[in-house]
Amino acid sequence: MSLGDIVVILISAFIVGALGRLAVPGPDPMPIWLTTLLGLVGSIVGGSIAVALGWGGGGVFVVSVFIATLLVIAYRRIVQKRGISGPDARRMP
């Protein structure tokens, strides 16, 4: 695995994590490394699920973003102790 491969993986993980954050309403003040980490975990888990179901190409991406969204929701509920909808979702942690 080359340095270029690692950079591409990190950029794609950041994109998946950012889309996961975008799917959840309200502010999410988390560092860029955490967004990338959630995207990386979402990509690994979501990609594994999509491949196991026989979905290729776009299916892997969609499931990866879905899993990253679930991770953002879990982060908000467990770490930030905020709701995911209503006025509680809009307040800053």
N, C-alpha and C. Protein backbone atom coordinates (compact mmCIF):
# COMPACT_ATOMS: atom_id res chain seq x y z
N MET A 1 0.86 -1.17 0.00
CA MET A 1 0.00 0.00 0.00
C MET A 1 0.90 1.24 0.00
N SER A 2 0.67 2.11 -0.94
CA SER A 2 1.51 3.29 -1.07
C SER A 2 0.91 4.47 -0.29
N LEU A 3 1.69 5.51 -0.19
CA LEU A 3 1.22 6.73 0.48
C LEU A 3 0.02 7.32 -0.26
N GLY A 4 0.03 7.22 -1.59
CA GLY A 4 -1.10 7.71 -2.38
C GLY A 4 -2.38 6.97 -2.06
N ASP A 5 -2.29 5.65 -1.85
CA ASP A 5 -3.46 4.86 -1.48
C ASP A 5 -4.02 5.31 -0.13
N ILE A 6 -3.14 5.56 0.81
CA ILE A 6 -3.57 6.00 2.14
C ILE A 6 -4.25 7.36 2.07
N VAL A 7 -3.71 8.26 1.26
CA VAL A 7 -4.31 9.59 1.10
C VAL A 7 -5.70 9.48 0.48
N VAL A 8 -5.85 8.63 -0.53
CA VAL A 8 -7.17 8.44 -1.17
C VAL A 8 -8.16 7.85 -0.19
N ILE A 9 -7.73 6.89 0.61
CA ILE A 9 -8.61 6.29 1.62
C ILE A 9 -9.06 7.34 2.63
N LEU A 10 -8.14 8.17 3.09
CA LEU A 10 -8.49 9.20 4.08
C LEU A 10 -9.42 10.26 3.49
N ILE A 11 -9.20 10.64 2.24
CA ILE A 11 -10.08 11.62 1.60
C ILE A 11 -11.48 11.05 1.42
N SER A 12 -11.57 9.80 0.96
CA SER A 12 -12.90 9.20 0.78
C SER A 12 -13.59 8.98 2.13
N ALA A 13 -12.81 8.64 3.17
CA ALA A 13 -13.40 8.49 4.51
C ALA A 13 -13.93 9.83 5.01
N PHE A 14 -13.19 10.92 4.75
CA PHE A 14 -13.65 12.24 5.15
C PHE A 14 -14.95 12.60 4.43
N ILE A 15 -15.05 12.30 3.14
CA ILE A 15 -16.26 12.60 2.37
C ILE A 15 -17.45 11.81 2.93
N VAL A 16 -17.26 10.53 3.20
CA VAL A 16 -18.34 9.71 3.75
C VAL A 16 -18.75 10.24 5.12
N GLY A 17 -17.78 10.58 5.97
CA GLY A 17 -18.09 11.13 7.29
C GLY A 17 -18.80 12.47 7.21
N ALA A 18 -18.36 13.32 6.28
CA ALA A 18 -19.00 14.63 6.11
C ALA A 18 -20.43 14.48 5.64
N LEU A 19 -20.68 13.56 4.73
CA LEU A 19 -22.07 13.32 4.28
C LEU A 19 -22.91 12.74 5.40
N GLY A 20 -22.31 11.91 6.25
CA GLY A 20 -23.02 11.40 7.42
C GLY A 20 -23.39 12.51 8.38
N ARG A 21 -22.48 13.46 8.57
CA ARG A 21 -22.78 14.62 9.43
C ARG A 21 -23.84 15.50 8.81
N LEU A 22 -23.79 15.68 7.50
CA LEU A 22 -24.76 16.52 6.80
C LEU A 22 -26.18 15.96 6.90
N ALA A 23 -26.30 14.65 7.01
CA ALA A 23 -27.62 14.02 7.06
C ALA A 23 -28.32 14.22 8.40
N VAL A 24 -27.58 14.61 9.42
CA VAL A 24 -28.17 14.79 10.75
C VAL A 24 -28.33 16.29 11.00
N PRO A 25 -29.56 16.76 11.31
CA PRO A 25 -29.77 18.20 11.48
C PRO A 25 -29.11 18.73 12.75
N GLY A 26 -28.78 20.01 12.70
CA GLY A 26 -28.19 20.69 13.86
C GLY A 26 -26.68 20.74 13.78
N PRO A 27 -26.08 21.55 14.64
CA PRO A 27 -24.63 21.71 14.63
C PRO A 27 -23.93 20.47 15.19
N ASP A 28 -22.81 20.14 14.62
CA ASP A 28 -21.98 19.04 15.11
C ASP A 28 -20.54 19.51 15.21
N PRO A 29 -20.20 20.15 16.32
CA PRO A 29 -18.83 20.63 16.48
C PRO A 29 -17.88 19.47 16.83
N MET A 30 -17.41 18.79 15.81
CA MET A 30 -16.44 17.73 16.04
C MET A 30 -15.22 17.98 15.15
N PRO A 31 -14.07 17.55 15.60
CA PRO A 31 -12.85 17.81 14.82
C PRO A 31 -12.83 17.01 13.52
N ILE A 32 -11.99 17.47 12.60
CA ILE A 32 -11.89 16.84 11.29
C ILE A 32 -11.42 15.39 11.40
N TRP A 33 -10.57 15.10 12.38
CA TRP A 33 -10.09 13.73 12.52
C TRP A 33 -11.22 12.79 12.93
N LEU A 34 -12.18 13.29 13.73
CA LEU A 34 -13.30 12.46 14.16
C LEU A 34 -14.26 12.23 13.00
N THR A 35 -14.47 13.26 12.17
CA THR A 35 -15.28 13.09 10.97
C THR A 35 -14.67 12.03 10.07
N THR A 36 -13.35 12.07 9.90
CA THR A 36 -12.66 11.10 9.06
C THR A 36 -12.75 9.71 9.68
N LEU A 37 -12.60 9.61 11.00
CA LEU A 37 -12.68 8.31 11.67
C LEU A 37 -14.07 7.70 11.52
N LEU A 38 -15.12 8.51 11.73
CA LEU A 38 -16.49 8.00 11.56
C LEU A 38 -16.73 7.56 10.11
N GLY A 39 -16.19 8.32 9.16
CA GLY A 39 -16.31 7.94 7.76
C GLY A 39 -15.56 6.66 7.44
N LEU A 40 -14.39 6.48 8.04
CA LEU A 40 -13.60 5.27 7.81
C LEU A 40 -14.31 4.04 8.37
N VAL A 41 -14.82 4.15 9.59
CA VAL A 41 -15.56 3.03 10.19
C VAL A 41 -16.84 2.77 9.40
N GLY A 42 -17.54 3.84 9.00
CA GLY A 42 -18.74 3.68 8.19
C GLY A 42 -18.44 3.00 6.86
N SER A 43 -17.30 3.34 6.26
CA SER A 43 -16.92 2.74 4.98
C SER A 43 -16.59 1.26 5.13
N ILE A 44 -15.88 0.92 6.19
CA ILE A 44 -15.51 -0.48 6.40
C ILE A 44 -16.74 -1.33 6.70
N VAL A 45 -17.54 -0.88 7.65
CA VAL A 45 -18.74 -1.64 8.04
C VAL A 45 -19.77 -1.63 6.91
N GLY A 46 -20.04 -0.45 6.35
CA GLY A 46 -21.02 -0.35 5.28
C GLY A 46 -20.59 -1.09 4.03
N GLY A 47 -19.31 -1.00 3.69
CA GLY A 47 -18.80 -1.73 2.53
C GLY A 47 -18.90 -3.22 2.72
N SER A 48 -18.62 -3.70 3.92
CA SER A 48 -18.72 -5.14 4.21
C SER A 48 -20.17 -5.62 4.09
N ILE A 49 -21.09 -4.82 4.61
CA ILE A 49 -22.51 -5.19 4.52
C ILE A 49 -22.97 -5.20 3.06
N ALA A 50 -22.61 -4.17 2.32
CA ALA A 50 -23.03 -4.07 0.92
C ALA A 50 -22.46 -5.22 0.09
N VAL A 51 -21.20 -5.56 0.31
CA VAL A 51 -20.59 -6.67 -0.44
C VAL A 51 -21.25 -7.99 -0.05
N ALA A 52 -21.55 -8.17 1.24
CA ALA A 52 -22.22 -9.39 1.69
C ALA A 52 -23.60 -9.53 1.07
N LEU A 53 -24.27 -8.40 0.81
CA LEU A 53 -25.59 -8.43 0.19
C LEU A 53 -25.52 -8.53 -1.32
N GLY A 54 -24.32 -8.43 -1.87
CA GLY A 54 -24.15 -8.52 -3.32
C GLY A 54 -24.37 -7.20 -4.05
N TRP A 55 -24.33 -6.10 -3.31
CA TRP A 55 -24.48 -4.79 -3.93
C TRP A 55 -23.09 -4.28 -4.28
N GLY A 56 -22.93 -3.79 -5.47
CA GLY A 56 -21.62 -3.27 -5.86
C GLY A 56 -21.69 -1.80 -6.18
N GLY A 57 -20.54 -1.23 -6.43
CA GLY A 57 -20.45 0.16 -6.88
C GLY A 57 -21.14 1.15 -5.97
N GLY A 58 -22.23 1.74 -6.47
CA GLY A 58 -22.95 2.78 -5.73
C GLY A 58 -23.58 2.27 -4.45
N GLY A 59 -23.92 0.98 -4.41
CA GLY A 59 -24.52 0.41 -3.20
C GLY A 59 -23.57 0.48 -2.02
N VAL A 60 -22.30 0.25 -2.27
CA VAL A 60 -21.29 0.33 -1.21
C VAL A 60 -21.23 1.74 -0.66
N PHE A 61 -21.23 2.73 -1.54
CA PHE A 61 -21.17 4.13 -1.11
C PHE A 61 -22.39 4.51 -0.29
N VAL A 62 -23.57 4.15 -0.76
CA VAL A 62 -24.81 4.52 -0.08
C VAL A 62 -24.87 3.88 1.31
N VAL A 63 -24.53 2.61 1.41
CA VAL A 63 -24.57 1.92 2.71
C VAL A 63 -23.50 2.50 3.63
N SER A 64 -22.34 2.86 3.09
CA SER A 64 -21.28 3.46 3.90
C SER A 64 -21.72 4.79 4.50
N VAL A 65 -22.38 5.62 3.70
CA VAL A 65 -22.88 6.91 4.21
C VAL A 65 -23.98 6.67 5.25
N PHE A 66 -24.82 5.68 5.03
CA PHE A 66 -25.88 5.35 5.98
C PHE A 66 -25.29 4.93 7.33
N ILE A 67 -24.29 4.08 7.30
CA ILE A 67 -23.65 3.63 8.54
C ILE A 67 -22.94 4.81 9.22
N ALA A 68 -22.28 5.67 8.45
CA ALA A 68 -21.63 6.85 9.02
C ALA A 68 -22.67 7.76 9.67
N THR A 69 -23.84 7.89 9.06
CA THR A 69 -24.93 8.69 9.65
C THR A 69 -25.36 8.10 10.98
N LEU A 70 -25.51 6.78 11.04
CA LEU A 70 -25.87 6.14 12.31
C LEU A 70 -24.79 6.37 13.37
N LEU A 71 -23.53 6.37 12.97
CA LEU A 71 -22.45 6.64 13.91
C LEU A 71 -22.49 8.08 14.42
N VAL A 72 -22.82 9.03 13.55
CA VAL A 72 -22.96 10.43 13.97
C VAL A 72 -24.11 10.56 14.97
N ILE A 73 -25.21 9.88 14.70
CA ILE A 73 -26.35 9.90 15.62
C ILE A 73 -25.95 9.31 16.97
N ALA A 74 -25.24 8.19 16.95
CA ALA A 74 -24.79 7.57 18.20
C ALA A 74 -23.83 8.50 18.96
N TYR A 75 -22.93 9.15 18.24
CA TYR A 75 -22.00 10.11 18.86
C TYR A 75 -22.77 11.25 19.53
N ARG A 76 -23.76 11.75 18.83
CA ARG A 76 -24.54 12.86 19.38
C ARG A 76 -25.31 12.43 20.62
N ARG A 77 -25.90 11.26 20.59
CA ARG A 77 -26.70 10.80 21.73
C ARG A 77 -25.83 10.40 22.92
N ILE A 78 -24.72 9.69 22.67
CA ILE A 78 -23.92 9.14 23.76
C ILE A 78 -22.90 10.15 24.29
N VAL A 79 -22.15 10.79 23.40
CA VAL A 79 -21.08 11.68 23.83
C VAL A 79 -21.60 13.08 24.11
N GLN A 80 -22.36 13.65 23.17
CA GLN A 80 -22.85 15.01 23.33
C GLN A 80 -24.12 15.10 24.17
N LYS A 81 -24.78 13.97 24.37
CA LYS A 81 -26.03 13.90 25.16
C LYS A 81 -27.09 14.87 24.64
N ARG A 82 -27.29 14.82 23.30
CA ARG A 82 -28.30 15.66 22.65
C ARG A 82 -29.22 14.78 21.82
N GLY A 83 -30.39 15.31 21.53
CA GLY A 83 -31.33 14.62 20.66
C GLY A 83 -30.93 14.78 19.20
N ILE A 84 -31.64 14.05 18.34
CA ILE A 84 -31.34 14.15 16.91
C ILE A 84 -32.40 14.94 16.15
N SER A 85 -33.44 15.35 16.87
CA SER A 85 -34.47 16.17 16.22
C SER A 85 -35.04 17.15 17.23
N GLY A 86 -35.76 18.12 16.72
CA GLY A 86 -36.39 19.12 17.59
C GLY A 86 -35.41 20.14 18.09
N PRO A 87 -35.84 20.94 19.07
CA PRO A 87 -34.98 22.01 19.56
C PRO A 87 -33.70 21.49 20.23
N ASP A 88 -33.75 20.29 20.80
CA ASP A 88 -32.58 19.72 21.44
C ASP A 88 -31.46 19.47 20.44
N ALA A 89 -31.81 19.18 19.20
CA ALA A 89 -30.80 18.93 18.16
C ALA A 89 -30.12 20.22 17.73
N ARG A 90 -30.77 21.33 17.89
CA ARG A 90 -30.24 22.61 17.41
C ARG A 90 -29.33 23.30 18.43
N ARG A 91 -29.37 22.87 19.69
CA ARG A 91 -28.54 23.54 20.70
C ARG A 91 -27.10 23.06 20.58
N MET A 92 -26.20 23.93 20.97
CA MET A 92 -24.79 23.57 20.98
C MET A 92 -24.49 22.69 22.19
N PRO A 93 -23.63 21.72 22.03
CA PRO A 93 -23.31 20.84 23.18
C PRO A 93 -22.51 21.56 24.25
